[in-house]
Each structure stands twice: as C-alpha cells, then as structure tokens.
Amino acid sequence: DWLDQGKQIPGFAHPLYPEGDPRTKFLLEQMQAGFSKHPIMKKTTAILEKVETLLQLQPNYDFALIVLTRLLKWPEGSALSLFALARIAGLTAHVVEQYQDPALLRPRSRYKT
C-alpha cells in the first residue's frame, strides 16, 4: 500500500548513506550473531531480503534500533531514547573537538560559549 501511494518505506534509505549505514550494518550483524533463531530476527531477515530484492534499499539506523528494542523486549519508545542518546553523545564529541582545535571543523554549525 505504501509503495502504491508513492510513499517511502519507513526504516529504509538514508540520504547520507545510499550504500547503507555502517552503524546499521554493525548492529544487524551483532543481532544476527546473538539472535539468529529468534522469530523477530527471522522476520527481520526476510524483510531485509524482500526490500533489497524489490526496491534495492538498505535499512537505516532507525530500523536497526527498532529491531534491537523488540528483541530485548524493551518498552515502547526505547528506540527513540537510544537514538537521542547517541545523537547527544555525537554532538557533545563534536563540541569538544571544536574547543580543542581553533579551525572550524563544521563551518556551518554554530557553537555558543
């Protein structure tokens, strides 16, 4: 239905990683190694194969986080919390790098002191 309506499939394709997000690849590999026989992982593998075959799309980080939180039976909303936590850690690292090096690492970003 989504494709018939011209919509993108949630959890697939990332504009910065057209060949696939390396974080997603790593997470999915780790989940496959630890949960290969789990029904959620089997369903995940089938979905990934079907989307790759039909649309040539790679999963994004959001997809991997949803699979992870479902495998671990974490509460609803945990994937968003993990995403936000990772984003905060990454932005904090950028700020620290910027303070350590006077050259602009990300010229379009603005940091306030």
PDB file of N, CA and C in Angstrom:
ATOM      1  N   ASP A   1       0.823  -1.202   0.000  1.00  0.00           N
ATOM      2  CA  ASP A   1       0.000   0.000   0.000  1.00  0.00           C
ATOM      3  C   ASP A   1       0.859   1.256   0.000  1.00  0.00           C
ATOM      4  N   TRP A   2       1.915   1.232   0.809  1.00  0.00           N
ATOM      5  CA  TRP A   2       2.791   2.412   0.882  1.00  0.00           C
ATOM      6  C   TRP A   2       3.392   2.709  -0.482  1.00  0.00           C
ATOM      7  N   LEU A   3       3.892   1.690  -1.141  1.00  0.00           N
ATOM      8  CA  LEU A   3       4.514   1.881  -2.453  1.00  0.00           C
ATOM      9  C   LEU A   3       3.492   2.350  -3.483  1.00  0.00           C
ATOM     10  N   ASP A   4       2.284   1.786  -3.433  1.00  0.00           N
ATOM     11  CA  ASP A   4       1.237   2.199  -4.362  1.00  0.00           C
ATOM     12  C   ASP A   4       0.884   3.672  -4.189  1.00  0.00           C
ATOM     13  N   GLN A   5       1.034   4.176  -2.976  1.00  0.00           N
ATOM     14  CA  GLN A   5       0.722   5.571  -2.694  1.00  0.00           C
ATOM     15  C   GLN A   5       1.929   6.488  -2.927  1.00  0.00           C
ATOM     16  N   GLY A   6       3.047   5.922  -3.373  1.00  0.00           N
ATOM     17  CA  GLY A   6       4.237   6.725  -3.639  1.00  0.00           C
ATOM     18  C   GLY A   6       5.000   7.127  -2.398  1.00  0.00           C
ATOM     19  N   LYS A   7       4.734   6.464  -1.291  1.00  0.00           N
ATOM     20  CA  LYS A   7       5.413   6.779  -0.029  1.00  0.00           C
ATOM     21  C   LYS A   7       6.686   5.944   0.109  1.00  0.00           C
ATOM     22  N   GLN A   8       7.636   6.490   0.864  1.00  0.00           N
ATOM     23  CA  GLN A   8       8.833   5.722   1.193  1.00  0.00           C
ATOM     24  C   GLN A   8       8.497   4.746   2.307  1.00  0.00           C
ATOM     25  N   ILE A   9       9.220   3.648   2.339  1.00  0.00           N
ATOM     26  CA  ILE A   9       9.029   2.677   3.407  1.00  0.00           C
ATOM     27  C   ILE A   9       9.824   3.151   4.625  1.00  0.00           C
ATOM     28  N   PRO A  10       9.164   3.335   5.760  1.00  0.00           N
ATOM     29  CA  PRO A  10       9.888   3.769   6.965  1.00  0.00           C
ATOM     30  C   PRO A  10      10.986   2.777   7.330  1.00  0.00           C
ATOM     31  N   GLY A  11      12.123   3.308   7.768  1.00  0.00           N
ATOM     32  CA  GLY A  11      13.215   2.458   8.214  1.00  0.00           C
ATOM     33  C   GLY A  11      14.196   2.077   7.122  1.00  0.00           C
ATOM     34  N   PHE A  12      13.996   2.609   5.922  1.00  0.00           N
ATOM     35  CA  PHE A  12      14.890   2.282   4.820  1.00  0.00           C
ATOM     36  C   PHE A  12      15.344   3.543   4.108  1.00  0.00           C
ATOM     37  N   ALA A  13      16.568   3.465   3.606  1.00  0.00           N
ATOM     38  CA  ALA A  13      17.214   4.551   2.848  1.00  0.00           C
ATOM     39  C   ALA A  13      17.614   5.688   3.788  1.00  0.00           C
ATOM     40  N   HIS A  14      18.851   6.087   3.660  1.00  0.00           N
ATOM     41  CA  HIS A  14      19.388   7.214   4.410  1.00  0.00           C
ATOM     42  C   HIS A  14      20.117   8.086   3.401  1.00  0.00           C
ATOM     43  N   PRO A  15      19.769   9.376   3.330  1.00  0.00           N
ATOM     44  CA  PRO A  15      20.369  10.224   2.293  1.00  0.00           C
ATOM     45  C   PRO A  15      21.893  10.323   2.367  1.00  0.00           C
ATOM     46  N   LEU A  16      22.451  10.181   3.557  1.00  0.00           N
ATOM     47  CA  LEU A  16      23.910  10.269   3.695  1.00  0.00           C
ATOM     48  C   LEU A  16      24.610   8.942   3.425  1.00  0.00           C
ATOM     49  N   TYR A  17      23.855   7.857   3.427  1.00  0.00           N
ATOM     50  CA  TYR A  17      24.439   6.527   3.243  1.00  0.00           C
ATOM     51  C   TYR A  17      23.655   5.731   2.201  1.00  0.00           C
ATOM     52  N   PRO A  18      23.740   6.110   0.925  1.00  0.00           N
ATOM     53  CA  PRO A  18      22.966   5.390  -0.096  1.00  0.00           C
ATOM     54  C   PRO A  18      23.354   3.915  -0.224  1.00  0.00           C
ATOM     55  N   GLU A  19      24.589   3.575   0.140  1.00  0.00           N
ATOM     56  CA  GLU A  19      25.030   2.178   0.082  1.00  0.00           C
ATOM     57  C   GLU A  19      24.785   1.446   1.398  1.00  0.00           C
ATOM     58  N   GLY A  20      24.194   2.119   2.351  1.00  0.00           N
ATOM     59  CA  GLY A  20      23.912   1.520   3.656  1.00  0.00           C
ATOM     60  C   GLY A  20      24.723   2.173   4.755  1.00  0.00           C
ATOM     61  N   ASP A  21      24.082   2.371   5.881  1.00  0.00           N
ATOM     62  CA  ASP A  21      24.695   2.991   7.050  1.00  0.00           C
ATOM     63  C   ASP A  21      25.567   1.955   7.764  1.00  0.00           C
ATOM     64  N   PRO A  22      26.864   2.239   7.958  1.00  0.00           N
ATOM     65  CA  PRO A  22      27.733   1.248   8.609  1.00  0.00           C
ATOM     66  C   PRO A  22      27.301   0.921  10.041  1.00  0.00           C
ATOM     67  N   ARG A  23      26.676   1.870  10.724  1.00  0.00           N
ATOM     68  CA  ARG A  23      26.187   1.595  12.088  1.00  0.00           C
ATOM     69  C   ARG A  23      25.081   0.543  12.037  1.00  0.00           C
ATOM     70  N   THR A  24      24.217   0.671  11.045  1.00  0.00           N
ATOM     71  CA  THR A  24      23.112  -0.269  10.882  1.00  0.00           C
ATOM     72  C   THR A  24      23.646  -1.661  10.573  1.00  0.00           C
ATOM     73  N   LYS A  25      24.597  -1.707   9.663  1.00  0.00           N
ATOM     74  CA  LYS A  25      25.190  -2.995   9.287  1.00  0.00           C
ATOM     75  C   LYS A  25      25.783  -3.681  10.523  1.00  0.00           C
ATOM     76  N   PHE A  26      26.525  -2.935  11.323  1.00  0.00           N
ATOM     77  CA  PHE A  26      27.148  -3.496  12.523  1.00  0.00           C
ATOM     78  C   PHE A  26      26.082  -4.019  13.493  1.00  0.00           C
ATOM     79  N   LEU A  27      25.080  -3.205  13.775  1.00  0.00           N
ATOM     80  CA  LEU A  27      24.034  -3.626  14.714  1.00  0.00           C
ATOM     81  C   LEU A  27      23.310  -4.879  14.228  1.00  0.00           C
ATOM     82  N   LEU A  28      22.938  -4.887  12.961  1.00  0.00           N
ATOM     83  CA  LEU A  28      22.228  -6.051  12.430  1.00  0.00           C
ATOM     84  C   LEU A  28      23.097  -7.308  12.457  1.00  0.00           C
ATOM     85  N   GLU A  29      24.386  -7.162  12.171  1.00  0.00           N
ATOM     86  CA  GLU A  29      25.293  -8.316  12.248  1.00  0.00           C
ATOM     87  C   GLU A  29      25.375  -8.855  13.673  1.00  0.00           C
ATOM     88  N   GLN A  30      25.467  -7.961  14.654  1.00  0.00           N
ATOM     89  CA  GLN A  30      25.543  -8.387  16.048  1.00  0.00           C
ATOM     90  C   GLN A  30      24.257  -9.062  16.492  1.00  0.00           C
ATOM     91  N   MET A  31      23.127  -8.517  16.066  1.00  0.00           N
ATOM     92  CA  MET A  31      21.848  -9.126  16.427  1.00  0.00           C
ATOM     93  C   MET A  31      21.695 -10.491  15.764  1.00  0.00           C
ATOM     94  N   GLN A  32      22.130 -10.600  14.524  1.00  0.00           N
ATOM     95  CA  GLN A  32      22.064 -11.891  13.818  1.00  0.00           C
ATOM     96  C   GLN A  32      22.933 -12.925  14.527  1.00  0.00           C
ATOM     97  N   ALA A  33      24.104 -12.502  14.976  1.00  0.00           N
ATOM     98  CA  ALA A  33      25.009 -13.429  15.676  1.00  0.00           C
ATOM     99  C   ALA A  33      24.410 -13.918  16.993  1.00  0.00           C
ATOM    100  N   GLY A  34      23.724 -13.046  17.689  1.00  0.00           N
ATOM    101  CA  GLY A  34      23.195 -13.419  19.001  1.00  0.00           C
ATOM    102  C   GLY A  34      21.772 -13.944  19.015  1.00  0.00           C
ATOM    103  N   PHE A  35      20.997 -13.637  17.976  1.00  0.00           N
ATOM    104  CA  PHE A  35      19.573 -13.979  17.985  1.00  0.00           C
ATOM    105  C   PHE A  35      19.121 -14.632  16.679  1.00  0.00           C
ATOM    106  N   SER A  36      19.992 -15.348  15.994  1.00  0.00           N
ATOM    107  CA  SER A  36      19.672 -15.862  14.654  1.00  0.00           C
ATOM    108  C   SER A  36      18.424 -16.742  14.624  1.00  0.00           C
ATOM    109  N   LYS A  37      18.126 -17.435  15.709  1.00  0.00           N
ATOM    110  CA  LYS A  37      16.976 -18.333  15.727  1.00  0.00           C
ATOM    111  C   LYS A  37      15.709 -17.668  16.266  1.00  0.00           C
ATOM    112  N   HIS A  38      15.818 -16.454  16.748  1.00  0.00           N
ATOM    113  CA  HIS A  38      14.668 -15.735  17.312  1.00  0.00           C
ATOM    114  C   HIS A  38      13.678 -15.385  16.199  1.00  0.00           C
ATOM    115  N   PRO A  39      12.378 -15.556  16.434  1.00  0.00           N
ATOM    116  CA  PRO A  39      11.378 -15.252  15.397  1.00  0.00           C
ATOM    117  C   PRO A  39      11.466 -13.813  14.873  1.00  0.00           C
ATOM    118  N   ILE A  40      11.769 -12.865  15.732  1.00  0.00           N
ATOM    119  CA  ILE A  40      11.883 -11.472  15.281  1.00  0.00           C
ATOM    120  C   ILE A  40      13.056 -11.325  14.323  1.00  0.00           C
ATOM    121  N   MET A  41      14.154 -12.007  14.609  1.00  0.00           N
ATOM    122  CA  MET A  41      15.324 -11.910  13.729  1.00  0.00           C
ATOM    123  C   MET A  41      15.060 -12.601  12.400  1.00  0.00           C
ATOM    124  N   LYS A  42      14.344 -13.717  12.444  1.00  0.00           N
ATOM    125  CA  LYS A  42      13.993 -14.403  11.194  1.00  0.00           C
ATOM    126  C   LYS A  42      13.098 -13.510  10.335  1.00  0.00           C
ATOM    127  N   LYS A  43      12.131 -12.853  10.962  1.00  0.00           N
ATOM    128  CA  LYS A  43      11.240 -11.957  10.237  1.00  0.00           C
ATOM    129  C   LYS A  43      12.020 -10.757   9.694  1.00  0.00           C
ATOM    130  N   THR A  44      12.952 -10.252  10.495  1.00  0.00           N
ATOM    131  CA  THR A  44      13.789  -9.122  10.074  1.00  0.00           C
ATOM    132  C   THR A  44      14.594  -9.488   8.838  1.00  0.00           C
ATOM    133  N   THR A  45      15.201 -10.654   8.850  1.00  0.00           N
ATOM    134  CA  THR A  45      15.992 -11.111   7.707  1.00  0.00           C
ATOM    135  C   THR A  45      15.126 -11.214   6.458  1.00  0.00           C
ATOM    136  N   ALA A  46      13.924 -11.750   6.605  1.00  0.00           N
ATOM    137  CA  ALA A  46      13.012 -11.880   5.465  1.00  0.00           C
ATOM    138  C   ALA A  46      12.622 -10.503   4.915  1.00  0.00           C
ATOM    139  N   ILE A  47      12.353  -9.558   5.803  1.00  0.00           N
ATOM    140  CA  ILE A  47      12.002  -8.193   5.375  1.00  0.00           C
ATOM    141  C   ILE A  47      13.167  -7.562   4.632  1.00  0.00           C
ATOM    142  N   LEU A  48      14.367  -7.677   5.193  1.00  0.00           N
ATOM    143  CA  LEU A  48      15.546  -7.083   4.557  1.00  0.00           C
ATOM    144  C   LEU A  48      15.778  -7.661   3.163  1.00  0.00           C
ATOM    145  N   GLU A  49      15.640  -8.959   3.037  1.00  0.00           N
ATOM    146  CA  GLU A  49      15.840  -9.608   1.737  1.00  0.00           C
ATOM    147  C   GLU A  49      14.793  -9.144   0.730  1.00  0.00           C
ATOM    148  N   LYS A  50      13.540  -9.053   1.148  1.00  0.00           N
ATOM    149  CA  LYS A  50      12.453  -8.650   0.248  1.00  0.00           C
ATOM    150  C   LYS A  50      12.627  -7.198  -0.205  1.00  0.00           C
ATOM    151  N   VAL A  51      12.945  -6.314   0.723  1.00  0.00           N
ATOM    152  CA  VAL A  51      13.118  -4.903   0.363  1.00  0.00           C
ATOM    153  C   VAL A  51      14.320  -4.727  -0.556  1.00  0.00           C
ATOM    154  N   GLU A  52      15.392  -5.455  -0.287  1.00  0.00           N
ATOM    155  CA  GLU A  52      16.578  -5.387  -1.148  1.00  0.00           C
ATOM    156  C   GLU A  52      16.232  -5.871  -2.558  1.00  0.00           C
ATOM    157  N   THR A  53      15.526  -6.968  -2.646  1.00  0.00           N
ATOM    158  CA  THR A  53      15.174  -7.539  -3.950  1.00  0.00           C
ATOM    159  C   THR A  53      14.226  -6.623  -4.727  1.00  0.00           C
ATOM    160  N   LEU A  54      13.186  -6.144  -4.064  1.00  0.00           N
ATOM    161  CA  LEU A  54      12.164  -5.348  -4.748  1.00  0.00           C
ATOM    162  C   LEU A  54      12.563  -3.895  -4.987  1.00  0.00           C
ATOM    163  N   LEU A  55      13.254  -3.302  -4.005  1.00  0.00           N
ATOM    164  CA  LEU A  55      13.486  -1.853  -4.062  1.00  0.00           C
ATOM    165  C   LEU A  55      14.952  -1.442  -4.045  1.00  0.00           C
ATOM    166  N   GLN A  56      15.840  -2.392  -3.812  1.00  0.00           N
ATOM    167  CA  GLN A  56      17.268  -2.106  -3.704  1.00  0.00           C
ATOM    168  C   GLN A  56      17.544  -1.017  -2.653  1.00  0.00           C
ATOM    169  N   LEU A  57      16.837  -1.095  -1.534  1.00  0.00           N
ATOM    170  CA  LEU A  57      17.034  -0.142  -0.431  1.00  0.00           C
ATOM    171  C   LEU A  57      17.708  -0.829   0.744  1.00  0.00           C
ATOM    172  N   GLN A  58      18.539  -0.068   1.436  1.00  0.00           N
ATOM    173  CA  GLN A  58      19.220  -0.563   2.629  1.00  0.00           C
ATOM    174  C   GLN A  58      18.505  -0.035   3.870  1.00  0.00           C
ATOM    175  N   PRO A  59      18.506  -0.804   4.955  1.00  0.00           N
ATOM    176  CA  PRO A  59      17.865  -0.329   6.175  1.00  0.00           C
ATOM    177  C   PRO A  59      18.656   0.826   6.778  1.00  0.00           C
ATOM    178  N   ASN A  60      17.955   1.690   7.488  1.00  0.00           N
ATOM    179  CA  ASN A  60      18.647   2.769   8.183  1.00  0.00           C
ATOM    180  C   ASN A  60      18.766   2.438   9.676  1.00  0.00           C
ATOM    181  N   TYR A  61      19.393   3.338  10.399  1.00  0.00           N
ATOM    182  CA  TYR A  61      19.669   3.126  11.815  1.00  0.00           C
ATOM    183  C   TYR A  61      18.389   2.966  12.632  1.00  0.00           C
ATOM    184  N   ASP A  62      17.347   3.691  12.249  1.00  0.00           N
ATOM    185  CA  ASP A  62      16.068   3.593  12.955  1.00  0.00           C
ATOM    186  C   ASP A  62      15.533   2.159  12.913  1.00  0.00           C
ATOM    187  N   PHE A  63      15.640   1.547  11.753  1.00  0.00           N
ATOM    188  CA  PHE A  63      15.175   0.168  11.593  1.00  0.00           C
ATOM    189  C   PHE A  63      15.914  -0.750  12.570  1.00  0.00           C
ATOM    190  N   ALA A  64      17.243  -0.622  12.603  1.00  0.00           N
ATOM    191  CA  ALA A  64      18.053  -1.477  13.476  1.00  0.00           C
ATOM    192  C   ALA A  64      17.701  -1.261  14.948  1.00  0.00           C
ATOM    193  N   LEU A  65      17.463  -0.019  15.331  1.00  0.00           N
ATOM    194  CA  LEU A  65      17.122   0.257  16.732  1.00  0.00           C
ATOM    195  C   LEU A  65      15.768  -0.344  17.112  1.00  0.00           C
ATOM    196  N   ILE A  66      14.822  -0.294  16.191  1.00  0.00           N
ATOM    197  CA  ILE A  66      13.518  -0.905  16.465  1.00  0.00           C
ATOM    198  C   ILE A  66      13.667  -2.409  16.646  1.00  0.00           C
ATOM    199  N   VAL A  67      14.419  -3.044  15.753  1.00  0.00           N
ATOM    200  CA  VAL A  67      14.634  -4.493  15.865  1.00  0.00           C
ATOM    201  C   VAL A  67      15.313  -4.811  17.203  1.00  0.00           C
ATOM    202  N   LEU A  68      16.338  -4.058  17.546  1.00  0.00           N
ATOM    203  CA  LEU A  68      17.063  -4.293  18.797  1.00  0.00           C
ATOM    204  C   LEU A  68      16.145  -4.194  20.009  1.00  0.00           C
ATOM    205  N   THR A  69      15.351  -3.141  20.081  1.00  0.00           N
ATOM    206  CA  THR A  69      14.497  -2.965  21.260  1.00  0.00           C
ATOM    207  C   THR A  69      13.400  -4.030  21.326  1.00  0.00           C
ATOM    208  N   ARG A  70      12.964  -4.520  20.173  1.00  0.00           N
ATOM    209  CA  ARG A  70      11.962  -5.595  20.189  1.00  0.00           C
ATOM    210  C   ARG A  70      12.580  -6.928  20.597  1.00  0.00           C
ATOM    211  N   LEU A  71      13.808  -7.180  20.129  1.00  0.00           N
ATOM    212  CA  LEU A  71      14.490  -8.408  20.538  1.00  0.00           C
ATOM    213  C   LEU A  71      14.718  -8.435  22.050  1.00  0.00           C
ATOM    214  N   LEU A  72      15.068  -7.276  22.596  1.00  0.00           N
ATOM    215  CA  LEU A  72      15.370  -7.190  24.027  1.00  0.00           C
ATOM    216  C   LEU A  72      14.136  -6.949  24.891  1.00  0.00           C
ATOM    217  N   LYS A  73      12.970  -6.826  24.228  1.00  0.00           N
ATOM    218  CA  LYS A  73      11.691  -6.600  24.923  1.00  0.00           C
ATOM    219  C   LYS A  73      11.727  -5.333  25.776  1.00  0.00           C
ATOM    220  N   TRP A  74      12.357  -4.291  25.231  1.00  0.00           N
ATOM    221  CA  TRP A  74      12.385  -3.010  25.930  1.00  0.00           C
ATOM    222  C   TRP A  74      11.063  -2.291  25.705  1.00  0.00           C
ATOM    223  N   PRO A  75      10.744  -1.342  26.569  1.00  0.00           N
ATOM    224  CA  PRO A  75       9.456  -0.653  26.444  1.00  0.00           C
ATOM    225  C   PRO A  75       9.341   0.171  25.157  1.00  0.00           C
ATOM    226  N   GLU A  76       8.098   0.395  24.774  1.00  0.00           N
ATOM    227  CA  GLU A  76       7.817   1.251  23.612  1.00  0.00           C
ATOM    228  C   GLU A  76       8.506   2.600  23.808  1.00  0.00           C
ATOM    229  N   GLY A  77       9.106   3.117  22.767  1.00  0.00           N
ATOM    230  CA  GLY A  77       9.806   4.398  22.844  1.00  0.00           C
ATOM    231  C   GLY A  77      11.288   4.264  23.136  1.00  0.00           C
ATOM    232  N   SER A  78      11.743   3.060  23.452  1.00  0.00           N
ATOM    233  CA  SER A  78      13.161   2.868  23.774  1.00  0.00           C
ATOM    234  C   SER A  78      14.068   3.156  22.582  1.00  0.00           C
ATOM    235  N   ALA A  79      13.616   2.839  21.386  1.00  0.00           N
ATOM    236  CA  ALA A  79      14.440   3.086  20.197  1.00  0.00           C
ATOM    237  C   ALA A  79      14.694   4.577  20.035  1.00  0.00           C
ATOM    238  N   LEU A  80      13.667   5.384  20.242  1.00  0.00           N
ATOM    239  CA  LEU A  80      13.829   6.834  20.142  1.00  0.00           C
ATOM    240  C   LEU A  80      14.777   7.341  21.224  1.00  0.00           C
ATOM    241  N   SER A  81      14.675   6.792  22.413  1.00  0.00           N
ATOM    242  CA  SER A  81      15.576   7.192  23.500  1.00  0.00           C
ATOM    243  C   SER A  81      17.024   6.850  23.170  1.00  0.00           C
ATOM    244  N   LEU A  82      17.249   5.657  22.628  1.00  0.00           N
ATOM    245  CA  LEU A  82      18.603   5.263  22.228  1.00  0.00           C
ATOM    246  C   LEU A  82      19.139   6.184  21.134  1.00  0.00           C
ATOM    247  N   PHE A  83      18.290   6.499  20.163  1.00  0.00           N
ATOM    248  CA  PHE A  83      18.684   7.389  19.077  1.00  0.00           C
ATOM    249  C   PHE A  83      19.085   8.758  19.633  1.00  0.00           C
ATOM    250  N   ALA A  84      18.259   9.299  20.528  1.00  0.00           N
ATOM    251  CA  ALA A  84      18.541  10.614  21.109  1.00  0.00           C
ATOM    252  C   ALA A  84      19.829  10.585  21.927  1.00  0.00           C
ATOM    253  N   LEU A  85      20.025   9.540  22.695  1.00  0.00           N
ATOM    254  CA  LEU A  85      21.239   9.412  23.498  1.00  0.00           C
ATOM    255  C   LEU A  85      22.482   9.367  22.615  1.00  0.00           C
ATOM    256  N   ALA A  86      22.422   8.602  21.536  1.00  0.00           N
ATOM    257  CA  ALA A  86      23.556   8.513  20.608  1.00  0.00           C
ATOM    258  C   ALA A  86      23.813   9.868  19.946  1.00  0.00           C
ATOM    259  N   ARG A  87      22.743  10.572  19.583  1.00  0.00           N
ATOM    260  CA  ARG A  87      22.890  11.887  18.957  1.00  0.00           C
ATOM    261  C   ARG A  87      23.528  12.883  19.931  1.00  0.00           C
ATOM    262  N   ILE A  88      23.117  12.846  21.181  1.00  0.00           N
ATOM    263  CA  ILE A  88      23.690  13.744  22.191  1.00  0.00           C
ATOM    264  C   ILE A  88      25.177  13.451  22.367  1.00  0.00           C
ATOM    265  N   ALA A  89      25.540  12.173  22.436  1.00  0.00           N
ATOM    266  CA  ALA A  89      26.954  11.808  22.586  1.00  0.00           C
ATOM    267  C   ALA A  89      27.764  12.296  21.389  1.00  0.00           C
ATOM    268  N   GLY A  90      27.233  12.115  20.189  1.00  0.00           N
ATOM    269  CA  GLY A  90      27.943  12.550  18.987  1.00  0.00           C
ATOM    270  C   GLY A  90      28.101  14.057  18.922  1.00  0.00           C
ATOM    271  N   LEU A  91      27.047  14.789  19.228  1.00  0.00           N
ATOM    272  CA  LEU A  91      27.133  16.254  19.204  1.00  0.00           C
ATOM    273  C   LEU A  91      28.075  16.770  20.282  1.00  0.00           C
ATOM    274  N   THR A  92      28.063  16.138  21.437  1.00  0.00           N
ATOM    275  CA  THR A  92      28.987  16.527  22.507  1.00  0.00           C
ATOM    276  C   THR A  92      30.426  16.318  22.066  1.00  0.00           C
ATOM    277  N   ALA A  93      30.701  15.204  21.389  1.00  0.00           N
ATOM    278  CA  ALA A  93      32.053  14.949  20.884  1.00  0.00           C
ATOM    279  C   ALA A  93      32.469  16.009  19.877  1.00  0.00           C
ATOM    280  N   HIS A  94      31.543  16.440  19.023  1.00  0.00           N
ATOM    281  CA  HIS A  94      31.863  17.497  18.060  1.00  0.00           C
ATOM    282  C   HIS A  94      32.195  18.813  18.766  1.00  0.00           C
ATOM    283  N   VAL A  95      31.443  19.131  19.787  1.00  0.00           N
ATOM    284  CA  VAL A  95      31.699  20.367  20.534  1.00  0.00           C
ATOM    285  C   VAL A  95      33.075  20.307  21.197  1.00  0.00           C
ATOM    286  N   VAL A  96      33.392  19.187  21.825  1.00  0.00           N
ATOM    287  CA  VAL A  96      34.700  19.029  22.470  1.00  0.00           C
ATOM    288  C   VAL A  96      35.815  19.171  21.441  1.00  0.00           C
ATOM    289  N   GLU A  97      35.664  18.526  20.279  1.00  0.00           N
ATOM    290  CA  GLU A  97      36.672  18.652  19.217  1.00  0.00           C
ATOM    291  C   GLU A  97      36.827  20.101  18.781  1.00  0.00           C
ATOM    292  N   GLN A  98      35.723  20.805  18.667  1.00  0.00           N
ATOM    293  CA  GLN A  98      35.774  22.189  18.212  1.00  0.00           C
ATOM    294  C   GLN A  98      36.519  23.069  19.208  1.00  0.00           C
ATOM    295  N   TYR A  99      36.301  22.842  20.482  1.00  0.00           N
ATOM    296  CA  TYR A  99      37.009  23.618  21.506  1.00  0.00           C
ATOM    297  C   TYR A  99      38.495  23.294  21.521  1.00  0.00           C
ATOM    298  N   GLN A 100      38.872  22.072  21.154  1.00  0.00           N
ATOM    299  CA  GLN A 100      40.279  21.674  21.172  1.00  0.00           C
ATOM    300  C   GLN A 100      41.043  22.138  19.940  1.00  0.00           C
ATOM    301  N   ASP A 101      40.351  22.438  18.871  1.00  0.00           N
ATOM    302  CA  ASP A 101      41.003  22.839  17.623  1.00  0.00           C
ATOM    303  C   ASP A 101      40.368  24.138  17.137  1.00  0.00           C
ATOM    304  N   PRO A 102      41.159  25.217  17.021  1.00  0.00           N
ATOM    305  CA  PRO A 102      40.568  26.501  16.636  1.00  0.00           C
ATOM    306  C   PRO A 102      40.048  26.525  15.185  1.00  0.00           C
ATOM    307  N   ALA A 103      40.508  25.620  14.329  1.00  0.00           N
ATOM    308  CA  ALA A 103      40.000  25.577  12.954  1.00  0.00           C
ATOM    309  C   ALA A 103      38.560  25.080  12.981  1.00  0.00           C
ATOM    310  N   LEU A 104      37.735  25.626  12.119  1.00  0.00           N
ATOM    311  CA  LEU A 104      36.342  25.209  12.092  1.00  0.00           C
ATOM    312  C   LEU A 104      36.220  23.793  11.544  1.00  0.00           C
ATOM    313  N   LEU A 105      35.730  22.885  12.383  1.00  0.00           N
ATOM    314  CA  LEU A 105      35.537  21.502  11.964  1.00  0.00           C
ATOM    315  C   LEU A 105      34.256  21.367  11.150  1.00  0.00           C
ATOM    316  N   ARG A 106      33.243  22.112  11.547  1.00  0.00           N
ATOM    317  CA  ARG A 106      31.957  22.100  10.864  1.00  0.00           C
ATOM    318  C   ARG A 106      31.552  23.558  10.675  1.00  0.00           C
ATOM    319  N   PRO A 107      32.003  24.189   9.606  1.00  0.00           N
ATOM    320  CA  PRO A 107      31.805  25.631   9.446  1.00  0.00           C
ATOM    321  C   PRO A 107      30.350  26.088   9.460  1.00  0.00           C
ATOM    322  N   ARG A 108      29.415  25.230   9.090  1.00  0.00           N
ATOM    323  CA  ARG A 108      28.007  25.648   9.088  1.00  0.00           C
ATOM    324  C   ARG A 108      27.379  25.551  10.466  1.00  0.00           C
ATOM    325  N   SER A 109      28.030  24.891  11.414  1.00  0.00           N
ATOM    326  CA  SER A 109      27.497  24.763  12.767  1.00  0.00           C
ATOM    327  C   SER A 109      27.862  25.978  13.582  1.00  0.00           C
ATOM    328  N   ARG A 110      27.045  26.289  14.542  1.00  0.00           N
ATOM    329  CA  ARG A 110      27.325  27.412  15.439  1.00  0.00           C
ATOM    330  C   ARG A 110      27.370  26.896  16.873  1.00  0.00           C
ATOM    331  N   TYR A 111      28.458  27.221  17.545  1.00  0.00           N
ATOM    332  CA  TYR A 111      28.627  26.807  18.935  1.00  0.00           C
ATOM    333  C   TYR A 111      28.648  28.046  19.799  1.00  0.00           C
ATOM    334  N   LYS A 112      27.919  28.019  20.889  1.00  0.00           N
ATOM    335  CA  LYS A 112      27.891  29.154  21.813  1.00  0.00           C
ATOM    336  C   LYS A 112      28.695  28.805  23.046  1.00  0.00           C
ATOM    337  N   THR A 113      29.401  29.793  23.590  1.00  0.00           N
ATOM    338  CA  THR A 113      30.164  29.562  24.820  1.00  0.00           C
ATOM    339  C   THR A 113      29.440  30.119  26.010  1.00  0.00           C
TER     340      THR A 113
END
